[in-house]
Amino acid sequence: MAFAPDGNTFAFASEEDGSIQLWDANNGKKLIHFNKDQTVADRQSLLAFSPDGTRLVSSGREKVKLWALPSGELLQDFEPKGRAGRRPWREFAQPVAISSDGAWIATVAEDPRYDYNLKPTIYIWDALTGRQLRAIQRRDQSGLSDIEFSPDGKQLLVIGARCGLYDCERQLLVWSLPH
């Protein structure tokens, strides 16, 4: 679930029918309904609004999509450059973020080349063209649970955890981004 920056609209992915729905937070009326065949929605989908509220990014099983609002038009379908044609998305939703100027989208995926020793990769995308700009691969198997651009768009913050047999150590990672 995600609120639009103005607080007047919220979006959620429905477990019931796999749709993504946008609702008016003030009067409870449904504004947009993306059918399951249009979306990547599943019970674990993650959503994020652009800072100006004119776009919505959805991250679900195997796909990340960017939607225009209020029209509901699909603007981009993001697919990382994998190896041997395999997509590195995990079988559940991954963290997703939009930069404050709306120019970049960040997603997280895990590279299937490593089988059970999955190494997370952070992808930076051009939101207008859908072109993959950068892939930042972790050197360890730390899980990544959240991702966010700094307000000025110059840094990318990632929260992760490195887990051993009996405990987990939380990590805050910060990358400087060229602009």
Foldseek 3Di string as FASTA:
>chain_A
DDAALVRQKDWDQDQPFRWIWIAGPPPGHTQDIGGNVRDQGHPQKDKDAANVRQWMWIFWAQWIWIAGPPVRDTQDIAFDDAPPPDGQADRTGWAKEAANVRQKIKTKGWHCVVPPQTWIWIWIAGRRPSDTDDIHTDPGSWAWHYWYADNVRQKIWTWTWDDDPPDIDIDIDIDGDDD
